[in-house]
C-alpha atoms as a PDB file:
ATOM      1  CA  MET A   1       0.255 -17.353   0.855  1.00  0.00           C
ATOM      2  CA  ASN A   2      -1.723 -20.580   1.489  1.00  0.00           C
ATOM      3  CA  ILE A   3      -0.423 -20.652   5.080  1.00  0.00           C
ATOM      4  CA  TRP A   4      -1.871 -17.180   5.775  1.00  0.00           C
ATOM      5  CA  ILE A   5      -5.281 -18.195   4.325  1.00  0.00           C
ATOM      6  CA  THR A   6      -5.322 -21.424   6.400  1.00  0.00           C
ATOM      7  CA  VAL A   7      -4.519 -19.491   9.607  1.00  0.00           C
ATOM      8  CA  LEU A   8      -7.209 -16.940   8.774  1.00  0.00           C
ATOM      9  CA  ILE A   9      -9.894 -19.619   8.182  1.00  0.00           C
ATOM     10  CA  ILE A  10      -8.997 -21.338  11.491  1.00  0.00           C
ATOM     11  CA  VAL A  11      -9.320 -17.990  13.295  1.00  0.00           C
ATOM     12  CA  LEU A  12     -12.680 -17.189  11.643  1.00  0.00           C
ATOM     13  CA  ALA A  13     -14.108 -20.667  12.286  1.00  0.00           C
ATOM     14  CA  GLU A  14     -14.713 -19.659  15.924  1.00  0.00           C
ATOM     15  CA  ASN A  15     -17.221 -16.952  14.920  1.00  0.00           C
ATOM     16  CA  LEU A  16     -20.830 -18.239  15.005  1.00  0.00           C
ATOM     17  CA  THR A  17     -22.334 -15.305  13.082  1.00  0.00           C
ATOM     18  CA  MET A  18     -25.752 -15.215  11.391  1.00  0.00           C
ATOM     19  CA  VAL A  19     -24.539 -13.242   8.373  1.00  0.00           C
ATOM     20  CA  THR A  20     -23.175 -15.436   5.568  1.00  0.00           C
ATOM     21  CA  GLU A  21     -22.569 -12.710   2.976  1.00  0.00           C
ATOM     22  CA  PHE A  22     -22.241  -8.939   2.652  1.00  0.00           C
ATOM     23  CA  LEU A  23     -23.640  -6.580   0.027  1.00  0.00           C
ATOM     24  CA  LEU A  24     -21.044  -4.080  -1.249  1.00  0.00           C
ATOM     25  CA  LEU A  25     -22.992  -0.904  -2.076  1.00  0.00           C
ATOM     26  CA  GLY A  26     -19.938   0.740  -3.659  1.00  0.00           C
ATOM     27  CA  PHE A  27     -20.924   3.369  -6.213  1.00  0.00           C
ATOM     28  CA  SER A  28     -24.474   2.013  -6.782  1.00  0.00           C
ATOM     29  CA  SER A  29     -26.029   5.394  -5.885  1.00  0.00           C
ATOM     30  CA  LEU A  30     -24.316   7.035  -8.894  1.00  0.00           C
ATOM     31  CA  GLY A  31     -26.468   5.258 -11.510  1.00  0.00           C
ATOM     32  CA  ASP A  32     -25.222   5.609 -15.114  1.00  0.00           C
ATOM     33  CA  VAL A  33     -22.041   7.358 -13.919  1.00  0.00           C
ATOM     34  CA  GLN A  34     -20.830   3.871 -12.952  1.00  0.00           C
ATOM     35  CA  LEU A  35     -20.134   3.117 -16.642  1.00  0.00           C
ATOM     36  CA  VAL A  36     -17.815   6.131 -16.806  1.00  0.00           C
ATOM     37  CA  LEU A  37     -16.155   5.056 -13.542  1.00  0.00           C
ATOM     38  CA  PHE A  38     -15.685   1.548 -14.954  1.00  0.00           C
ATOM     39  CA  ALA A  39     -13.822   2.923 -17.996  1.00  0.00           C
ATOM     40  CA  VAL A  40     -11.716   5.303 -15.854  1.00  0.00           C
ATOM     41  CA  PHE A  41     -10.820   2.708 -13.194  1.00  0.00           C
ATOM     42  CA  LEU A  42     -10.083   0.022 -15.793  1.00  0.00           C
ATOM     43  CA  PHE A  43      -7.691   2.382 -17.593  1.00  0.00           C
ATOM     44  CA  LEU A  44      -6.018   3.374 -14.299  1.00  0.00           C
ATOM     45  CA  TYR A  45      -5.720  -0.305 -13.311  1.00  0.00           C
ATOM     46  CA  PHE A  46      -3.843  -1.124 -16.538  1.00  0.00           C
ATOM     47  CA  VAL A  47      -1.604   1.927 -16.013  1.00  0.00           C
ATOM     48  CA  ILE A  48      -0.864   0.811 -12.419  1.00  0.00           C
ATOM     49  CA  LEU A  49      -0.039  -2.741 -13.549  1.00  0.00           C
ATOM     50  CA  SER A  50       2.130  -1.660 -16.489  1.00  0.00           C
ATOM     51  CA  GLY A  51       3.893   1.049 -14.448  1.00  0.00           C
ATOM     52  CA  ASN A  52       4.758  -1.146 -11.472  1.00  0.00           C
ATOM     53  CA  ILE A  53       5.696  -4.151 -13.642  1.00  0.00           C
ATOM     54  CA  THR A  54       7.978  -1.845 -15.676  1.00  0.00           C
ATOM     55  CA  ILE A  55       9.670  -0.574 -12.498  1.00  0.00           C
ATOM     56  CA  VAL A  56      10.231  -4.129 -11.175  1.00  0.00           C
ATOM     57  CA  SER A  57      11.477  -5.403 -14.575  1.00  0.00           C
ATOM     58  CA  VAL A  58      13.897  -2.492 -15.082  1.00  0.00           C
ATOM     59  CA  ILE A  59      15.315  -2.891 -11.550  1.00  0.00           C
ATOM     60  CA  ARG A  60      15.856  -6.601 -12.218  1.00  0.00           C
ATOM     61  CA  LEU A  61      17.424  -6.174 -15.649  1.00  0.00           C
ATOM     62  CA  ASP A  62      19.655  -3.131 -15.060  1.00  0.00           C
ATOM     63  CA  LYS A  63      22.641  -3.881 -12.812  1.00  0.00           C
ATOM     64  CA  SER A  64      23.191  -0.181 -12.038  1.00  0.00           C
ATOM     65  CA  LEU A  65      19.916  -0.288 -10.065  1.00  0.00           C
ATOM     66  CA  HIS A  66      21.022  -3.244  -7.930  1.00  0.00           C
ATOM     67  CA  THR A  67      21.262  -1.049  -4.824  1.00  0.00           C
ATOM     68  CA  PRO A  68      19.318  -1.137  -1.524  1.00  0.00           C
ATOM     69  CA  MET A  69      17.143   1.857  -2.487  1.00  0.00           C
ATOM     70  CA  TYR A  70      15.909   0.197  -5.687  1.00  0.00           C
ATOM     71  CA  PHE A  71      15.691  -3.195  -3.984  1.00  0.00           C
ATOM     72  CA  PHE A  72      13.078  -1.737  -1.618  1.00  0.00           C
ATOM     73  CA  LEU A  73      11.429   0.169  -4.470  1.00  0.00           C
ATOM     74  CA  GLY A  74      11.052  -3.152  -6.324  1.00  0.00           C
ATOM     75  CA  ILE A  75       9.408  -4.758  -3.272  1.00  0.00           C
ATOM     76  CA  LEU A  76       7.135  -1.701  -2.868  1.00  0.00           C
ATOM     77  CA  SER A  77       6.054  -1.883  -6.532  1.00  0.00           C
ATOM     78  CA  THR A  78       5.364  -5.631  -6.214  1.00  0.00           C
ATOM     79  CA  SER A  79       3.382  -5.082  -3.013  1.00  0.00           C
ATOM     80  CA  GLU A  80       1.338  -2.277  -4.586  1.00  0.00           C
ATOM     81  CA  THR A  81       0.565  -4.427  -7.634  1.00  0.00           C
ATOM     82  CA  CYS A  82      -0.809  -7.142  -5.312  1.00  0.00           C
ATOM     83  CA  TYR A  83      -2.538  -4.488  -3.192  1.00  0.00           C
ATOM     84  CA  THR A  84      -4.557  -3.172  -6.158  1.00  0.00           C
ATOM     85  CA  PHE A  85      -5.233  -6.737  -7.395  1.00  0.00           C
ATOM     86  CA  VAL A  86      -7.042  -7.450  -4.107  1.00  0.00           C
ATOM     87  CA  ILE A  87      -9.435  -4.490  -4.561  1.00  0.00           C
ATOM     88  CA  LEU A  88      -9.827  -3.329  -8.166  1.00  0.00           C
ATOM     89  CA  PRO A  89     -10.955  -6.471 -10.095  1.00  0.00           C
ATOM     90  CA  LYS A  90     -13.867  -7.033  -7.659  1.00  0.00           C
ATOM     91  CA  MET A  91     -14.740  -3.335  -7.758  1.00  0.00           C
ATOM     92  CA  LEU A  92     -14.768  -3.331 -11.584  1.00  0.00           C
ATOM     93  CA  ILE A  93     -17.030  -6.418 -11.638  1.00  0.00           C
ATOM     94  CA  ASN A  94     -19.417  -4.782  -9.146  1.00  0.00           C
ATOM     95  CA  LEU A  95     -19.706  -1.642 -11.287  1.00  0.00           C
ATOM     96  CA  PHE A  96     -21.390  -3.830 -13.936  1.00  0.00           C
ATOM     97  CA  SER A  97     -23.078  -6.350 -11.638  1.00  0.00           C
ATOM     98  CA  VAL A  98     -26.520  -6.163 -10.048  1.00  0.00           C
ATOM     99  CA  ALA A  99     -25.640  -8.691  -7.327  1.00  0.00           C
ATOM    100  CA  ARG A 100     -22.739  -7.077  -5.471  1.00  0.00           C
ATOM    101  CA  THR A 101     -22.458  -9.729  -2.803  1.00  0.00           C
ATOM    102  CA  ILE A 102     -19.317 -11.107  -1.186  1.00  0.00           C
ATOM    103  CA  SER A 103     -19.304 -14.067   1.209  1.00  0.00           C
ATOM    104  CA  PHE A 104     -18.376 -13.641   4.888  1.00  0.00           C
ATOM    105  CA  TYR A 105     -15.105 -15.550   4.430  1.00  0.00           C
ATOM    106  CA  CYS A 106     -14.186 -13.812   1.146  1.00  0.00           C
ATOM    107  CA  CYS A 107     -14.809 -10.444   2.794  1.00  0.00           C
ATOM    108  CA  ALA A 108     -12.419 -11.375   5.626  1.00  0.00           C
ATOM    109  CA  ILE A 109      -9.805 -12.679   3.157  1.00  0.00           C
ATOM    110  CA  GLN A 110     -10.065  -9.495   1.067  1.00  0.00           C
ATOM    111  CA  MET A 111      -9.601  -7.319   4.164  1.00  0.00           C
ATOM    112  CA  PHE A 112      -6.699  -9.483   5.333  1.00  0.00           C
ATOM    113  CA  PHE A 113      -4.732  -9.200   2.094  1.00  0.00           C
ATOM    114  CA  PHE A 114      -5.619  -5.539   1.552  1.00  0.00           C
ATOM    115  CA  LEU A 115      -4.435  -4.571   5.040  1.00  0.00           C
ATOM    116  CA  GLY A 116      -1.450  -6.932   4.816  1.00  0.00           C
ATOM    117  CA  PHE A 117      -0.076  -5.292   1.665  1.00  0.00           C
ATOM    118  CA  ALA A 118      -1.072  -1.785   2.854  1.00  0.00           C
ATOM    119  CA  ILE A 119       0.757  -2.167   6.193  1.00  0.00           C
ATOM    120  CA  THR A 120       3.743  -3.742   4.410  1.00  0.00           C
ATOM    121  CA  ASN A 121       3.874  -0.611   2.222  1.00  0.00           C
ATOM    122  CA  CYS A 122       3.835   1.638   5.311  1.00  0.00           C
ATOM    123  CA  LEU A 123       6.712  -0.294   6.875  1.00  0.00           C
ATOM    124  CA  LEU A 124       8.644  -0.348   3.571  1.00  0.00           C
ATOM    125  CA  LEU A 125       8.366   3.446   3.272  1.00  0.00           C
ATOM    126  CA  GLY A 126       9.825   3.686   6.776  1.00  0.00           C
ATOM    127  CA  VAL A 127      12.722   1.397   5.818  1.00  0.00           C
ATOM    128  CA  MET A 128      13.297   3.429   2.633  1.00  0.00           C
ATOM    129  CA  GLY A 129      13.520   6.556   4.810  1.00  0.00           C
ATOM    130  CA  TYR A 130      16.190   4.840   6.923  1.00  0.00           C
ATOM    131  CA  ASP A 131      18.026   3.834   3.743  1.00  0.00           C
ATOM    132  CA  ARG A 132      18.183   7.480   2.599  1.00  0.00           C
ATOM    133  CA  TYR A 133      19.361   8.507   6.088  1.00  0.00           C
ATOM    134  CA  ALA A 134      22.158   5.902   6.043  1.00  0.00           C
ATOM    135  CA  ALA A 135      23.215   6.852   2.484  1.00  0.00           C
ATOM    136  CA  ILE A 136      23.362  10.624   3.074  1.00  0.00           C
ATOM    137  CA  CYS A 137      24.295  10.924   6.758  1.00  0.00           C
ATOM    138  CA  HIS A 138      26.671   7.927   7.002  1.00  0.00           C
ATOM    139  CA  PRO A 139      28.004   7.334   3.459  1.00  0.00           C
ATOM    140  CA  LEU A 140      31.215   5.620   4.646  1.00  0.00           C
ATOM    141  CA  HIS A 141      29.294   3.104   6.770  1.00  0.00           C
ATOM    142  CA  TYR A 142      26.482   2.682   4.227  1.00  0.00           C
ATOM    143  CA  PRO A 143      27.751  -0.636   2.735  1.00  0.00           C
ATOM    144  CA  ILE A 144      27.731  -2.149   6.243  1.00  0.00           C
ATOM    145  CA  LEU A 145      24.508  -0.506   7.488  1.00  0.00           C
ATOM    146  CA  MET A 146      22.615  -1.555   4.353  1.00  0.00           C
ATOM    147  CA  SER A 147      24.333  -4.779   3.301  1.00  0.00           C
ATOM    148  CA  TRP A 148      22.308  -7.223   1.202  1.00  0.00           C
ATOM    149  CA  GLN A 149      21.868  -9.437   4.248  1.00  0.00           C
ATOM    150  CA  VAL A 150      20.410  -6.503   6.223  1.00  0.00           C
ATOM    151  CA  CYS A 151      18.191  -5.501   3.278  1.00  0.00           C
ATOM    152  CA  GLY A 152      16.807  -9.021   2.973  1.00  0.00           C
ATOM    153  CA  LYS A 153      15.989  -9.179   6.691  1.00  0.00           C
ATOM    154  CA  LEU A 154      14.347  -5.730   6.645  1.00  0.00           C
ATOM    155  CA  GLY A 155      12.241  -6.663   3.595  1.00  0.00           C
ATOM    156  CA  ALA A 156      11.144  -9.934   5.219  1.00  0.00           C
ATOM    157  CA  LEU A 157      10.314  -8.159   8.513  1.00  0.00           C
ATOM    158  CA  CYS A 158       8.129  -5.643   6.660  1.00  0.00           C
ATOM    159  CA  GLY A 159       6.147  -8.440   5.005  1.00  0.00           C
ATOM    160  CA  ILE A 160       5.799 -10.619   8.115  1.00  0.00           C
ATOM    161  CA  GLY A 161       5.010  -7.619  10.342  1.00  0.00           C
ATOM    162  CA  GLY A 162       2.443  -6.324   7.856  1.00  0.00           C
ATOM    163  CA  PHE A 163       0.520  -9.590   7.626  1.00  0.00           C
ATOM    164  CA  LEU A 164       0.692 -10.330  11.376  1.00  0.00           C
ATOM    165  CA  ALA A 165      -0.777  -6.878  12.088  1.00  0.00           C
ATOM    166  CA  SER A 166      -3.418  -7.508   9.419  1.00  0.00           C
ATOM    167  CA  LEU A 167      -4.312 -10.891  10.943  1.00  0.00           C
ATOM    168  CA  THR A 168      -4.769  -9.217  14.349  1.00  0.00           C
ATOM    169  CA  VAL A 169      -7.098  -6.529  12.940  1.00  0.00           C
ATOM    170  CA  VAL A 170      -9.135  -8.983  10.839  1.00  0.00           C
ATOM    171  CA  TYR A 171      -9.593 -11.228  13.872  1.00  0.00           C
ATOM    172  CA  LEU A 172     -10.797  -8.252  15.942  1.00  0.00           C
ATOM    173  CA  VAL A 173     -13.318  -7.292  13.240  1.00  0.00           C
ATOM    174  CA  PHE A 174     -14.651 -10.724  12.260  1.00  0.00           C
ATOM    175  CA  SER A 175     -14.753 -12.209  15.754  1.00  0.00           C
ATOM    176  CA  LEU A 176     -17.655  -9.811  16.383  1.00  0.00           C
ATOM    177  CA  PRO A 177     -21.217 -11.142  15.898  1.00  0.00           C
ATOM    178  CA  PHE A 178     -23.066  -9.983  12.754  1.00  0.00           C
ATOM    179  CA  CYS A 179     -26.832 -10.543  13.148  1.00  0.00           C
ATOM    180  CA  SER A 180     -28.819  -9.177  10.213  1.00  0.00           C
ATOM    181  CA  ALA A 181     -27.332  -5.949   8.785  1.00  0.00           C
ATOM    182  CA  ASN A 182     -25.105  -6.863   5.845  1.00  0.00           C
ATOM    183  CA  LYS A 183     -24.943  -3.755   3.616  1.00  0.00           C
ATOM    184  CA  VAL A 184     -21.320  -2.534   3.458  1.00  0.00           C
ATOM    185  CA  ASN A 185     -21.377   1.126   2.431  1.00  0.00           C
ATOM    186  CA  HIS A 186     -18.126   0.855   0.504  1.00  0.00           C
ATOM    187  CA  TYR A 187     -16.657  -0.726  -2.646  1.00  0.00           C
ATOM    188  CA  PHE A 188     -14.592  -3.268  -0.691  1.00  0.00           C
ATOM    189  CA  CYS A 189     -14.435  -4.786   2.800  1.00  0.00           C
ATOM    190  CA  ASP A 190     -12.711  -2.066   4.794  1.00  0.00           C
ATOM    191  CA  ILE A 191     -12.548  -1.876   8.604  1.00  0.00           C
ATOM    192  CA  SER A 192     -14.982   0.954   9.423  1.00  0.00           C
ATOM    193  CA  PRO A 193     -17.870   0.032   7.065  1.00  0.00           C
ATOM    194  CA  VAL A 194     -17.762  -3.642   8.175  1.00  0.00           C
ATOM    195  CA  ILE A 195     -17.318  -3.148  11.932  1.00  0.00           C
ATOM    196  CA  ARG A 196     -20.317  -0.786  11.984  1.00  0.00           C
ATOM    197  CA  LEU A 197     -22.546  -3.729  11.019  1.00  0.00           C
ATOM    198  CA  ALA A 198     -21.700  -5.709  14.167  1.00  0.00           C
ATOM    199  CA  CYS A 199     -24.647  -6.209  16.529  1.00  0.00           C
ATOM    200  CA  THR A 200     -22.699  -5.605  19.745  1.00  0.00           C
ATOM    201  CA  ASN A 201     -20.591  -2.940  21.414  1.00  0.00           C
ATOM    202  CA  THR A 202     -17.344  -2.582  19.450  1.00  0.00           C
ATOM    203  CA  ASP A 203     -15.514   0.025  21.580  1.00  0.00           C
ATOM    204  CA  ALA A 204     -12.880  -2.360  23.006  1.00  0.00           C
ATOM    205  CA  HIS A 205     -12.157  -3.874  19.575  1.00  0.00           C
ATOM    206  CA  GLU A 206     -11.978  -0.427  17.960  1.00  0.00           C
ATOM    207  CA  PHE A 207      -9.538   0.783  20.630  1.00  0.00           C
ATOM    208  CA  VAL A 208      -7.150  -2.132  19.943  1.00  0.00           C
ATOM    209  CA  ILE A 209      -7.491  -1.512  16.174  1.00  0.00           C
ATOM    210  CA  PHE A 210      -6.681   2.167  16.797  1.00  0.00           C
ATOM    211  CA  ILE A 211      -3.518   1.163  18.729  1.00  0.00           C
ATOM    212  CA  CYS A 212      -2.530  -1.079  15.783  1.00  0.00           C
ATOM    213  CA  GLY A 213      -3.114   1.905  13.471  1.00  0.00           C
ATOM    214  CA  VAL A 214      -0.840   4.093  15.587  1.00  0.00           C
ATOM    215  CA  LEU A 215       1.904   1.440  15.551  1.00  0.00           C
ATOM    216  CA  VAL A 216       1.845   0.924  11.764  1.00  0.00           C
ATOM    217  CA  LEU A 217       1.158   4.534  10.709  1.00  0.00           C
ATOM    218  CA  VAL A 218       2.331   7.046  13.315  1.00  0.00           C
ATOM    219  CA  VAL A 219       5.490   5.231  14.470  1.00  0.00           C
ATOM    220  CA  PRO A 220       6.965   4.700  10.946  1.00  0.00           C
ATOM    221  CA  PHE A 221       5.932   8.250   9.958  1.00  0.00           C
ATOM    222  CA  LEU A 222       7.693   9.747  12.998  1.00  0.00           C
ATOM    223  CA  PHE A 223      10.720   7.598  12.176  1.00  0.00           C
ATOM    224  CA  ILE A 224      10.702   9.007   8.612  1.00  0.00           C
ATOM    225  CA  CYS A 225      10.368  12.572   9.972  1.00  0.00           C
ATOM    226  CA  VAL A 226      13.362  12.104  12.297  1.00  0.00           C
ATOM    227  CA  SER A 227      15.367  10.568   9.418  1.00  0.00           C
ATOM    228  CA  TYR A 228      14.614  13.541   7.165  1.00  0.00           C
ATOM    229  CA  ILE A 229      15.470  16.086   9.865  1.00  0.00           C
ATOM    230  CA  CYS A 230      18.920  14.435  10.095  1.00  0.00           C
ATOM    231  CA  ILE A 231      19.132  14.307   6.284  1.00  0.00           C
ATOM    232  CA  LEU A 232      18.225  18.009   5.982  1.00  0.00           C
ATOM    233  CA  ARG A 233      20.900  18.977   8.528  1.00  0.00           C
ATOM    234  CA  THR A 234      23.498  16.969   6.586  1.00  0.00           C
ATOM    235  CA  ILE A 235      22.406  18.397   3.200  1.00  0.00           C
ATOM    236  CA  LEU A 236      22.662  21.990   4.484  1.00  0.00           C
ATOM    237  CA  LYS A 237      26.307  21.307   5.411  1.00  0.00           C
ATOM    238  CA  ILE A 238      27.178  20.351   1.799  1.00  0.00           C
ATOM    239  CA  PRO A 239      29.151  23.316   0.390  1.00  0.00           C
ATOM    240  CA  SER A 240      28.114  23.137  -3.283  1.00  0.00           C
ATOM    241  CA  ALA A 241      24.564  23.892  -4.499  1.00  0.00           C
ATOM    242  CA  GLU A 242      24.861  21.048  -7.021  1.00  0.00           C
ATOM    243  CA  GLY A 243      25.735  18.581  -4.258  1.00  0.00           C
ATOM    244  CA  ARG A 244      22.784  19.727  -2.148  1.00  0.00           C
ATOM    245  CA  GLN A 245      20.412  19.406  -5.115  1.00  0.00           C
ATOM    246  CA  LYS A 246      21.674  15.913  -5.967  1.00  0.00           C
ATOM    247  CA  ALA A 247      21.312  14.746  -2.347  1.00  0.00           C
ATOM    248  CA  PHE A 248      17.789  16.136  -2.046  1.00  0.00           C
ATOM    249  CA  SER A 249      16.657  14.763  -5.440  1.00  0.00           C
ATOM    250  CA  THR A 250      17.203  11.188  -4.195  1.00  0.00           C
ATOM    251  CA  CYS A 251      14.698  11.909  -1.382  1.00  0.00           C
ATOM    252  CA  ALA A 252      12.050  13.954  -3.227  1.00  0.00           C
ATOM    253  CA  SER A 253      10.310  10.956  -4.846  1.00  0.00           C
ATOM    254  CA  HIS A 254      10.162   9.061  -1.556  1.00  0.00           C
ATOM    255  CA  LEU A 255       8.812  12.106   0.325  1.00  0.00           C
ATOM    256  CA  THR A 256       6.043  12.663  -2.240  1.00  0.00           C
ATOM    257  CA  VAL A 257       4.778   9.070  -1.910  1.00  0.00           C
ATOM    258  CA  VAL A 258       5.099   9.192   1.918  1.00  0.00           C
ATOM    259  CA  ILE A 259       3.003  12.371   2.288  1.00  0.00           C
ATOM    260  CA  ILE A 260       0.126  11.088   0.118  1.00  0.00           C
ATOM    261  CA  HIS A 261       0.158   7.509   1.456  1.00  0.00           C
ATOM    262  CA  TYR A 262       0.409   8.346   5.173  1.00  0.00           C
ATOM    263  CA  GLY A 263      -1.851  11.390   4.872  1.00  0.00           C
ATOM    264  CA  CYS A 264      -4.786   9.482   3.333  1.00  0.00           C
ATOM    265  CA  ALA A 265      -4.318   6.344   5.457  1.00  0.00           C
ATOM    266  CA  SER A 266      -4.129   8.373   8.702  1.00  0.00           C
ATOM    267  CA  TYR A 267      -7.307  10.278   7.815  1.00  0.00           C
ATOM    268  CA  ILE A 268      -9.236   7.009   7.352  1.00  0.00           C
ATOM    269  CA  TYR A 269      -7.818   4.770  10.082  1.00  0.00           C
ATOM    270  CA  LEU A 270      -6.773   7.052  12.950  1.00  0.00           C
ATOM    271  CA  ARG A 271     -10.278   8.143  14.003  1.00  0.00           C
ATOM    272  CA  PRO A 272     -13.372   6.521  15.534  1.00  0.00           C
ATOM    273  CA  THR A 273     -15.682   4.443  13.327  1.00  0.00           C
ATOM    274  CA  ALA A 274     -18.567   6.737  14.330  1.00  0.00           C
ATOM    275  CA  ASN A 275     -16.896   9.531  12.327  1.00  0.00           C
ATOM    276  CA  TYR A 276     -17.036   7.486   9.104  1.00  0.00           C
ATOM    277  CA  VAL A 277     -18.663   9.523   6.307  1.00  0.00           C
ATOM    278  CA  SER A 278     -19.331   7.230   3.336  1.00  0.00           C
ATOM    279  CA  ASN A 279     -19.056   9.589   0.332  1.00  0.00           C
ATOM    280  CA  LYS A 280     -16.126  11.670   1.581  1.00  0.00           C
ATOM    281  CA  ASP A 281     -14.239   8.650   2.890  1.00  0.00           C
ATOM    282  CA  ARG A 282     -14.765   6.717  -0.357  1.00  0.00           C
ATOM    283  CA  LEU A 283     -13.090   9.583  -2.226  1.00  0.00           C
ATOM    284  CA  VAL A 284     -10.098   9.518   0.139  1.00  0.00           C
ATOM    285  CA  THR A 285      -9.956   5.712  -0.100  1.00  0.00           C
ATOM    286  CA  VAL A 286      -9.861   5.933  -3.918  1.00  0.00           C
ATOM    287  CA  THR A 287      -6.805   8.175  -3.469  1.00  0.00           C
ATOM    288  CA  TYR A 288      -4.750   5.597  -1.576  1.00  0.00           C
ATOM    289  CA  THR A 289      -6.087   2.465  -3.298  1.00  0.00           C
ATOM    290  CA  ILE A 290      -5.732   3.808  -6.852  1.00  0.00           C
ATOM    291  CA  VAL A 291      -3.865   7.129  -6.968  1.00  0.00           C
ATOM    292  CA  THR A 292      -0.951   6.141  -4.688  1.00  0.00           C
ATOM    293  CA  PRO A 293      -0.114   2.881  -6.564  1.00  0.00           C
ATOM    294  CA  LEU A 294      -0.430   4.914  -9.785  1.00  0.00           C
ATOM    295  CA  LEU A 295       1.725   7.717  -8.406  1.00  0.00           C
ATOM    296  CA  ASN A 296       4.549   5.453  -7.196  1.00  0.00           C
ATOM    297  CA  PRO A 297       5.891   4.359 -10.630  1.00  0.00           C
ATOM    298  CA  MET A 298       5.149   7.775 -12.167  1.00  0.00           C
ATOM    299  CA  VAL A 299       7.009   9.705  -9.456  1.00  0.00           C
ATOM    300  CA  TYR A 300       9.975   7.344  -9.423  1.00  0.00           C
ATOM    301  CA  SER A 301      10.237   7.241 -13.224  1.00  0.00           C
ATOM    302  CA  LEU A 302       9.519  10.895 -14.024  1.00  0.00           C
ATOM    303  CA  ARG A 303      11.560  12.427 -11.186  1.00  0.00           C
ATOM    304  CA  ASN A 304      14.372   9.872 -11.037  1.00  0.00           C
ATOM    305  CA  LYS A 305      17.121  10.149 -13.652  1.00  0.00           C
ATOM    306  CA  ASP A 306      18.628   6.742 -12.792  1.00  0.00           C
ATOM    307  CA  VAL A 307      15.323   4.974 -13.530  1.00  0.00           C
ATOM    308  CA  GLN A 308      14.808   7.013 -16.715  1.00  0.00           C
ATOM    309  CA  VAL A 309      18.275   6.054 -17.996  1.00  0.00           C
ATOM    310  CA  ALA A 310      17.708   2.398 -17.036  1.00  0.00           C
ATOM    311  CA  ILE A 311      14.357   2.294 -18.888  1.00  0.00           C
ATOM    312  CA  ARG A 312      16.022   3.720 -22.025  1.00  0.00           C
ATOM    313  CA  LYS A 313      18.835   1.158 -21.730  1.00  0.00           C
ATOM    314  CA  VAL A 314      16.424  -1.767 -21.366  1.00  0.00           C
ATOM    315  CA  LEU A 315      14.253  -0.551 -24.250  1.00  0.00           C
ATOM    316  CA  GLY A 316      17.395   0.061 -26.319  1.00  0.00           C
ATOM    317  CA  LYS A 317      18.580  -3.513 -25.715  1.00  0.00           C
ATOM    318  CA  LYS A 318      15.205  -4.926 -26.769  1.00  0.00           C
ATOM    319  CA  GLY A 319      15.241  -2.757 -29.876  1.00  0.00           C
ATOM    320  CA  SER A 320      18.733  -3.888 -30.862  1.00  0.00           C
ATOM    321  CA  LEU A 321      17.804  -7.565 -30.309  1.00  0.00           C
ATOM    322  CA  LYS A 322      14.858  -7.183 -32.691  1.00  0.00           C
ATOM    323  CA  LEU A 323      17.164  -5.733 -35.372  1.00  0.00           C
ATOM    324  CA  PHE A 324      19.453  -8.798 -35.172  1.00  0.00           C
ATOM    325  CA  ASP A 325      16.546 -11.294 -35.321  1.00  0.00           C
END
């Protein structure tokens, strides 16, 4: 983590900008409603933390969940916990604070880690789609296709790829000159609200950022679509209705998270900055910064029988240990 921050500071040191801090407008226009939002977001933040920590803990403690699918789910839950930690604490502080400022470097660091974890999640969802394809379409070769060595390499590639892509985007944004405008019309340092403050033509930088968006959003999504077309063809060949239902149930949770995550992220990042509409886009951003991390543990625990059984087993063990104390 320190290595990434050091690299980022070295990259940003080249920018001789006049702006030293940004003002995050966030939800300041809503007045007293901010107190209600504070209570709601604080509650959701605790639910996100407890849900994702529960998922990670159960996967670690229950040996029946030591499979590639739950290995990637554990990484996804960890990444989403970090992802919300980058955004929500600062947002909650700003809902109560009059001075909603963030320094130039802190803004860049926030964007770097937010995008890093967000892109890692996109890549992980693509890998999880491949895992389901290998398990359902090639069950006999599954232990070889998704060996622990392969899983480890895929997980590492998702993380490294996510943060390298993030570093590229952050460099493109913060290498631009910022002269006097410093009011970010958002509750965190996101690409569109920040890049609009630059006092130069940003078309070339925005085009490269758009290409990065296509690579990390469209390519994995198309890969998932192709995987699920193959999965659907295989499922339809299963003779028993029970077998078809069981095969599809292992994919339903993943598909739900994919549709919401990719849908919201594509709407925000795969269009020109000029089309940014603050109020509408903030609502969509709330969906993928708060609702998606909240949805992940809920979907995988409520719709997944294996996780439900594992949670009961872990809670049962803790209960029995207390009786013997």
